Amino acid sequence: MASPSCASTLAWSPAFSSTSSRPPAERRLTTSRRAPSLVIVAQGKVKKYRQVILTEDIEEVGNKGDTLKVRAGFYRNFLLPKGKAQLLTPEVLKEMQLEQERIEAERKRVKEEAQQLARVFETIGAFKVPRKGGKGKQIFGSVTAQDLVDIIKAQLNRDVDKRLVTVPEIREVGEYVAEIKLHPDVTAQVRLNVYAK
């Protein structure tokens, strides 16, 4: 609050007074001659969500090529700086669709190769597995997935991962069926003929 002595030193101008000595017409003219005041235009609402396409797999968020609606802060602070997503634009969408088509064609080609290999395994007949014999039909040791992989390599000259081979427990002479998982959708049935030497 100003002190009374300070109030007396302030200059007072009648131009700002509501009861001016000028006639009302002149007052209106002076008010209209003022410089235009600063006009403030409010911005529109800030977008809280963004449509993005993921460029790589993110745990608990989505897989590569998925279109997601994510919070703007999550996109701005995490996805964009690490290069894990792009804003959804028509150009990016078209590019991602072409990439998806290429990946799908590759998956189809791999599956067809696996089906062809499965047909080869099933038409060959039984693979002969020699084992040292014991009493009756018993054999010493057992037939393992590695044994089957070695036989396939020797007879067909094809490499098969032993982790993909499922062999039943074989402890006797006879015919058995083993499975080779060549693709998530393709499993080949391979016959084994175990005999004692």
C-alpha atoms as a PDB file:
ATOM      1  CA  MET A   1       0.000   0.000   0.000  1.00  0.00           C
ATOM      2  CA  ALA A   2       1.321   3.430  -0.947  1.00  0.00           C
ATOM      3  CA  SER A   3       2.026   5.983   1.698  1.00  0.00           C
ATOM      4  CA  PRO A   4       0.106   9.340   1.589  1.00  0.00           C
ATOM      5  CA  SER A   5       3.286  11.238   0.768  1.00  0.00           C
ATOM      6  CA  CYS A   6       3.937   9.004  -2.243  1.00  0.00           C
ATOM      7  CA  ALA A   7       0.429   9.547  -3.582  1.00  0.00           C
ATOM      8  CA  SER A   8       0.957  13.287  -3.783  1.00  0.00           C
ATOM      9  CA  THR A   9       4.028  12.891  -5.996  1.00  0.00           C
ATOM     10  CA  LEU A  10       2.312  10.763  -8.654  1.00  0.00           C
ATOM     11  CA  ALA A  11       1.201  12.660 -11.711  1.00  0.00           C
ATOM     12  CA  TRP A  12      -2.454  12.447 -12.599  1.00  0.00           C
ATOM     13  CA  SER A  13      -3.624  12.883 -16.142  1.00  0.00           C
ATOM     14  CA  PRO A  14      -7.195  13.829 -16.998  1.00  0.00           C
ATOM     15  CA  ALA A  15      -6.986  11.799 -20.263  1.00  0.00           C
ATOM     16  CA  PHE A  16      -7.472   8.621 -18.261  1.00  0.00           C
ATOM     17  CA  SER A  17     -10.230  10.054 -16.172  1.00  0.00           C
ATOM     18  CA  SER A  18     -13.784   8.904 -16.795  1.00  0.00           C
ATOM     19  CA  THR A  19     -15.045  12.465 -16.415  1.00  0.00           C
ATOM     20  CA  SER A  20     -12.930  14.083 -19.101  1.00  0.00           C
ATOM     21  CA  SER A  21     -13.252  17.749 -20.046  1.00  0.00           C
ATOM     22  CA  ARG A  22     -13.551  16.729 -23.733  1.00  0.00           C
ATOM     23  CA  PRO A  23     -16.923  16.272 -25.276  1.00  0.00           C
ATOM     24  CA  PRO A  24     -18.145  12.650 -25.712  1.00  0.00           C
ATOM     25  CA  ALA A  25     -17.649  12.672 -29.509  1.00  0.00           C
ATOM     26  CA  GLU A  26     -13.971  13.516 -29.135  1.00  0.00           C
ATOM     27  CA  ARG A  27     -13.565  10.872 -26.455  1.00  0.00           C
ATOM     28  CA  ARG A  28     -14.938   8.238 -28.838  1.00  0.00           C
ATOM     29  CA  LEU A  29     -12.534   9.329 -31.557  1.00  0.00           C
ATOM     30  CA  THR A  30      -9.508   9.065 -29.294  1.00  0.00           C
ATOM     31  CA  THR A  31     -10.480   5.596 -28.141  1.00  0.00           C
ATOM     32  CA  SER A  32     -10.924   4.380 -31.711  1.00  0.00           C
ATOM     33  CA  ARG A  33      -7.497   5.770 -32.728  1.00  0.00           C
ATOM     34  CA  ARG A  34      -5.695   3.534 -30.310  1.00  0.00           C
ATOM     35  CA  ALA A  35      -3.286   0.961 -31.664  1.00  0.00           C
ATOM     36  CA  PRO A  36      -4.893  -2.432 -32.149  1.00  0.00           C
ATOM     37  CA  SER A  37      -4.582  -4.525 -29.062  1.00  0.00           C
ATOM     38  CA  LEU A  38      -2.818  -7.863 -29.059  1.00  0.00           C
ATOM     39  CA  VAL A  39      -5.231 -10.619 -30.016  1.00  0.00           C
ATOM     40  CA  ILE A  40      -4.548 -13.949 -28.343  1.00  0.00           C
ATOM     41  CA  VAL A  41      -5.884 -17.000 -30.124  1.00  0.00           C
ATOM     42  CA  ALA A  42      -6.034 -20.101 -28.005  1.00  0.00           C
ATOM     43  CA  GLN A  43      -4.421 -23.201 -29.453  1.00  0.00           C
ATOM     44  CA  GLY A  44      -6.578 -26.193 -30.183  1.00  0.00           C
ATOM     45  CA  LYS A  45      -6.611 -29.120 -27.832  1.00  0.00           C
ATOM     46  CA  VAL A  46      -3.306 -30.925 -27.647  1.00  0.00           C
ATOM     47  CA  LYS A  47      -3.495 -34.451 -29.034  1.00  0.00           C
ATOM     48  CA  LYS A  48      -3.198 -36.872 -26.168  1.00  0.00           C
ATOM     49  CA  TYR A  49      -2.856 -39.945 -28.381  1.00  0.00           C
ATOM     50  CA  ARG A  50      -0.821 -40.724 -31.496  1.00  0.00           C
ATOM     51  CA  GLN A  51      -1.352 -43.367 -34.158  1.00  0.00           C
ATOM     52  CA  VAL A  52       1.988 -45.160 -34.644  1.00  0.00           C
ATOM     53  CA  ILE A  53       3.430 -48.180 -36.438  1.00  0.00           C
ATOM     54  CA  LEU A  54       5.920 -50.261 -34.480  1.00  0.00           C
ATOM     55  CA  THR A  55       9.235 -50.840 -36.250  1.00  0.00           C
ATOM     56  CA  GLU A  56      10.319 -53.663 -33.930  1.00  0.00           C
ATOM     57  CA  ASP A  57       8.829 -56.042 -31.378  1.00  0.00           C
ATOM     58  CA  ILE A  58       8.244 -54.513 -27.940  1.00  0.00           C
ATOM     59  CA  GLU A  59       7.348 -56.735 -25.026  1.00  0.00           C
ATOM     60  CA  GLU A  60       3.833 -56.089 -23.652  1.00  0.00           C
ATOM     61  CA  VAL A  61       3.186 -53.434 -26.333  1.00  0.00           C
ATOM     62  CA  GLY A  62       3.072 -55.162 -29.709  1.00  0.00           C
ATOM     63  CA  ASN A  63       4.895 -56.738 -32.617  1.00  0.00           C
ATOM     64  CA  LYS A  64       6.658 -55.212 -35.598  1.00  0.00           C
ATOM     65  CA  GLY A  65       4.171 -53.752 -38.087  1.00  0.00           C
ATOM     66  CA  ASP A  66       1.319 -53.347 -35.581  1.00  0.00           C
ATOM     67  CA  THR A  67      -0.574 -50.055 -35.677  1.00  0.00           C
ATOM     68  CA  LEU A  68      -1.287 -48.746 -32.198  1.00  0.00           C
ATOM     69  CA  LYS A  69      -2.879 -45.742 -30.559  1.00  0.00           C
ATOM     70  CA  VAL A  70      -0.418 -44.689 -27.841  1.00  0.00           C
ATOM     71  CA  ARG A  71      -0.121 -41.736 -25.490  1.00  0.00           C
ATOM     72  CA  ALA A  72       1.727 -38.774 -26.980  1.00  0.00           C
ATOM     73  CA  GLY A  73       4.252 -38.730 -24.132  1.00  0.00           C
ATOM     74  CA  PHE A  74       5.039 -42.444 -24.533  1.00  0.00           C
ATOM     75  CA  TYR A  75       5.675 -41.882 -28.233  1.00  0.00           C
ATOM     76  CA  ARG A  76       7.682 -38.671 -27.762  1.00  0.00           C
ATOM     77  CA  ASN A  77       9.786 -39.856 -24.802  1.00  0.00           C
ATOM     78  CA  PHE A  78      10.300 -43.577 -25.486  1.00  0.00           C
ATOM     79  CA  LEU A  79       9.273 -44.864 -28.893  1.00  0.00           C
ATOM     80  CA  LEU A  80      10.590 -42.032 -31.087  1.00  0.00           C
ATOM     81  CA  PRO A  81      14.075 -41.552 -29.510  1.00  0.00           C
ATOM     82  CA  LYS A  82      14.782 -45.299 -29.555  1.00  0.00           C
ATOM     83  CA  GLY A  83      13.495 -45.688 -33.114  1.00  0.00           C
ATOM     84  CA  LYS A  84      10.885 -48.266 -32.120  1.00  0.00           C
ATOM     85  CA  ALA A  85       7.911 -46.574 -33.826  1.00  0.00           C
ATOM     86  CA  GLN A  86       6.946 -44.108 -36.546  1.00  0.00           C
ATOM     87  CA  LEU A  87       3.919 -41.876 -36.827  1.00  0.00           C
ATOM     88  CA  LEU A  88       1.205 -43.364 -39.000  1.00  0.00           C
ATOM     89  CA  THR A  89       1.316 -41.584 -42.346  1.00  0.00           C
ATOM     90  CA  PRO A  90       0.139 -42.879 -45.725  1.00  0.00           C
ATOM     91  CA  GLU A  91       3.745 -43.241 -46.964  1.00  0.00           C
ATOM     92  CA  VAL A  92       4.873 -45.168 -43.887  1.00  0.00           C
ATOM     93  CA  LEU A  93       1.751 -47.325 -44.006  1.00  0.00           C
ATOM     94  CA  LYS A  94       2.393 -48.237 -47.651  1.00  0.00           C
ATOM     95  CA  GLU A  95       6.056 -49.013 -46.900  1.00  0.00           C
ATOM     96  CA  MET A  96       5.112 -51.251 -43.967  1.00  0.00           C
ATOM     97  CA  GLN A  97       2.518 -53.094 -46.074  1.00  0.00           C
ATOM     98  CA  LEU A  98       5.170 -53.833 -48.714  1.00  0.00           C
ATOM     99  CA  GLU A  99       7.492 -55.090 -45.973  1.00  0.00           C
ATOM    100  CA  GLN A 100       4.721 -57.304 -44.551  1.00  0.00           C
ATOM    101  CA  GLU A 101       4.035 -58.754 -48.005  1.00  0.00           C
ATOM    102  CA  ARG A 102       7.725 -59.542 -48.466  1.00  0.00           C
ATOM    103  CA  ILE A 103       7.904 -61.226 -45.052  1.00  0.00           C
ATOM    104  CA  GLU A 104       4.722 -63.192 -45.779  1.00  0.00           C
ATOM    105  CA  ALA A 105       6.130 -64.394 -49.121  1.00  0.00           C
ATOM    106  CA  GLU A 106       9.324 -65.533 -47.355  1.00  0.00           C
ATOM    107  CA  ARG A 107       7.307 -67.421 -44.713  1.00  0.00           C
ATOM    108  CA  LYS A 108       5.272 -69.106 -47.442  1.00  0.00           C
ATOM    109  CA  ARG A 109       8.446 -70.135 -49.296  1.00  0.00           C
ATOM    110  CA  VAL A 110       9.994 -71.611 -46.118  1.00  0.00           C
ATOM    111  CA  LYS A 111       6.782 -73.521 -45.369  1.00  0.00           C
ATOM    112  CA  GLU A 112       6.648 -74.957 -48.902  1.00  0.00           C
ATOM    113  CA  GLU A 113      10.280 -76.099 -48.602  1.00  0.00           C
ATOM    114  CA  ALA A 114       9.450 -77.778 -45.286  1.00  0.00           C
ATOM    115  CA  GLN A 115       6.438 -79.544 -46.830  1.00  0.00           C
ATOM    116  CA  GLN A 116       8.562 -80.748 -49.740  1.00  0.00           C
ATOM    117  CA  LEU A 117      11.215 -82.096 -47.340  1.00  0.00           C
ATOM    118  CA  ALA A 118       8.490 -83.797 -45.282  1.00  0.00           C
ATOM    119  CA  ARG A 119       7.245 -85.562 -48.443  1.00  0.00           C
ATOM    120  CA  VAL A 120      10.808 -86.719 -49.145  1.00  0.00           C
ATOM    121  CA  PHE A 121      11.175 -88.152 -45.618  1.00  0.00           C
ATOM    122  CA  GLU A 122       7.813 -89.941 -45.795  1.00  0.00           C
ATOM    123  CA  THR A 123       8.366 -91.475 -49.261  1.00  0.00           C
ATOM    124  CA  ILE A 124      11.888 -92.780 -48.603  1.00  0.00           C
ATOM    125  CA  GLY A 125      10.746 -95.662 -46.455  1.00  0.00           C
ATOM    126  CA  ALA A 126      12.260 -96.833 -43.210  1.00  0.00           C
ATOM    127  CA  PHE A 127      15.726 -95.779 -42.149  1.00  0.00           C
ATOM    128  CA  LYS A 128      17.702 -98.833 -41.034  1.00  0.00           C
ATOM    129  CA  VAL A 129      19.308 -98.425 -37.622  1.00  0.00           C
ATOM    130  CA  PRO A 130      21.784-101.190 -36.651  1.00  0.00           C
ATOM    131  CA  ARG A 131      22.312-101.860 -32.941  1.00  0.00           C
ATOM    132  CA  LYS A 132      24.224-104.456 -30.960  1.00  0.00           C
ATOM    133  CA  GLY A 133      21.715-107.086 -29.848  1.00  0.00           C
ATOM    134  CA  GLY A 134      21.176-108.578 -26.445  1.00  0.00           C
ATOM    135  CA  LYS A 135      18.835-111.296 -25.158  1.00  0.00           C
ATOM    136  CA  GLY A 136      15.780-111.822 -27.332  1.00  0.00           C
ATOM    137  CA  LYS A 137      14.595-108.552 -28.928  1.00  0.00           C
ATOM    138  CA  GLN A 138      16.578-106.364 -26.542  1.00  0.00           C
ATOM    139  CA  ILE A 139      19.344-104.075 -27.795  1.00  0.00           C
ATOM    140  CA  PHE A 140      22.264-102.537 -25.970  1.00  0.00           C
ATOM    141  CA  GLY A 141      21.758 -98.806 -25.473  1.00  0.00           C
ATOM    142  CA  SER A 142      18.963 -96.912 -27.178  1.00  0.00           C
ATOM    143  CA  VAL A 143      18.334 -94.992 -30.389  1.00  0.00           C
ATOM    144  CA  THR A 144      18.631 -91.233 -29.884  1.00  0.00           C
ATOM    145  CA  ALA A 145      17.785 -88.156 -31.939  1.00  0.00           C
ATOM    146  CA  GLN A 146      21.489 -87.737 -32.758  1.00  0.00           C
ATOM    147  CA  ASP A 147      21.569 -91.269 -34.228  1.00  0.00           C
ATOM    148  CA  LEU A 148      18.657 -90.401 -36.538  1.00  0.00           C
ATOM    149  CA  VAL A 149      20.300 -87.097 -37.559  1.00  0.00           C
ATOM    150  CA  ASP A 150      23.527 -88.956 -38.429  1.00  0.00           C
ATOM    151  CA  ILE A 151      21.627 -91.523 -40.532  1.00  0.00           C
ATOM    152  CA  ILE A 152      19.724 -88.790 -42.412  1.00  0.00           C
ATOM    153  CA  LYS A 153      23.010 -86.955 -43.064  1.00  0.00           C
ATOM    154  CA  ALA A 154      24.648 -90.159 -44.378  1.00  0.00           C
ATOM    155  CA  GLN A 155      21.751 -91.324 -46.583  1.00  0.00           C
ATOM    156  CA  LEU A 156      20.149 -88.061 -47.823  1.00  0.00           C
ATOM    157  CA  ASN A 157      23.006 -85.603 -47.345  1.00  0.00           C
ATOM    158  CA  ARG A 158      20.626 -83.232 -45.496  1.00  0.00           C
ATOM    159  CA  ASP A 159      21.318 -81.435 -42.234  1.00  0.00           C
ATOM    160  CA  VAL A 160      18.605 -81.626 -39.573  1.00  0.00           C
ATOM    161  CA  ASP A 161      18.829 -80.055 -36.124  1.00  0.00           C
ATOM    162  CA  LYS A 162      18.618 -82.762 -33.461  1.00  0.00           C
ATOM    163  CA  ARG A 163      16.450 -80.503 -31.270  1.00  0.00           C
ATOM    164  CA  LEU A 164      13.711 -80.784 -33.897  1.00  0.00           C
ATOM    165  CA  VAL A 165      13.711 -84.605 -33.800  1.00  0.00           C
ATOM    166  CA  THR A 166      11.423 -86.506 -31.433  1.00  0.00           C
ATOM    167  CA  VAL A 167      12.302 -90.199 -31.107  1.00  0.00           C
ATOM    168  CA  PRO A 168      10.205 -92.579 -29.001  1.00  0.00           C
ATOM    169  CA  GLU A 169      12.015 -94.635 -26.372  1.00  0.00           C
ATOM    170  CA  ILE A 170      13.590 -97.502 -28.314  1.00  0.00           C
ATOM    171  CA  ARG A 171      15.068-100.412 -26.354  1.00  0.00           C
ATOM    172  CA  GLU A 172      14.010-103.343 -28.560  1.00  0.00           C
ATOM    173  CA  VAL A 173      14.342-104.418 -32.162  1.00  0.00           C
ATOM    174  CA  GLY A 174      11.392-103.407 -34.359  1.00  0.00           C
ATOM    175  CA  GLU A 175       9.759-100.639 -36.396  1.00  0.00           C
ATOM    176  CA  TYR A 176       9.176 -97.213 -34.856  1.00  0.00           C
ATOM    177  CA  VAL A 177       7.961 -93.801 -35.977  1.00  0.00           C
ATOM    178  CA  ALA A 178       9.923 -90.648 -35.172  1.00  0.00           C
ATOM    179  CA  GLU A 179       8.794 -87.072 -35.795  1.00  0.00           C
ATOM    180  CA  ILE A 180      10.825 -84.209 -37.218  1.00  0.00           C
ATOM    181  CA  LYS A 181       9.378 -80.723 -36.747  1.00  0.00           C
ATOM    182  CA  LEU A 182      10.528 -78.971 -39.916  1.00  0.00           C
ATOM    183  CA  HIS A 183       8.279 -75.910 -39.493  1.00  0.00           C
ATOM    184  CA  PRO A 184       5.762 -74.806 -36.835  1.00  0.00           C
ATOM    185  CA  ASP A 185       3.004 -76.112 -39.140  1.00  0.00           C
ATOM    186  CA  VAL A 186       4.857 -79.044 -40.779  1.00  0.00           C
ATOM    187  CA  THR A 187       5.876 -82.245 -39.006  1.00  0.00           C
ATOM    188  CA  ALA A 188       7.388 -85.173 -40.915  1.00  0.00           C
ATOM    189  CA  GLN A 189       6.806 -88.772 -39.829  1.00  0.00           C
ATOM    190  CA  VAL A 190       9.954 -90.872 -40.287  1.00  0.00           C
ATOM    191  CA  ARG A 191       9.936 -94.669 -39.997  1.00  0.00           C
ATOM    192  CA  LEU A 192      12.850 -96.379 -38.266  1.00  0.00           C
ATOM    193  CA  ASN A 193      13.730-100.048 -38.632  1.00  0.00           C
ATOM    194  CA  VAL A 194      15.880-101.032 -35.673  1.00  0.00           C
ATOM    195  CA  TYR A 195      17.677-104.369 -36.068  1.00  0.00           C
ATOM    196  CA  ALA A 196      20.357-106.265 -34.199  1.00  0.00           C
ATOM    197  CA  LYS A 197      23.673-106.863 -35.909  1.00  0.00           C
END
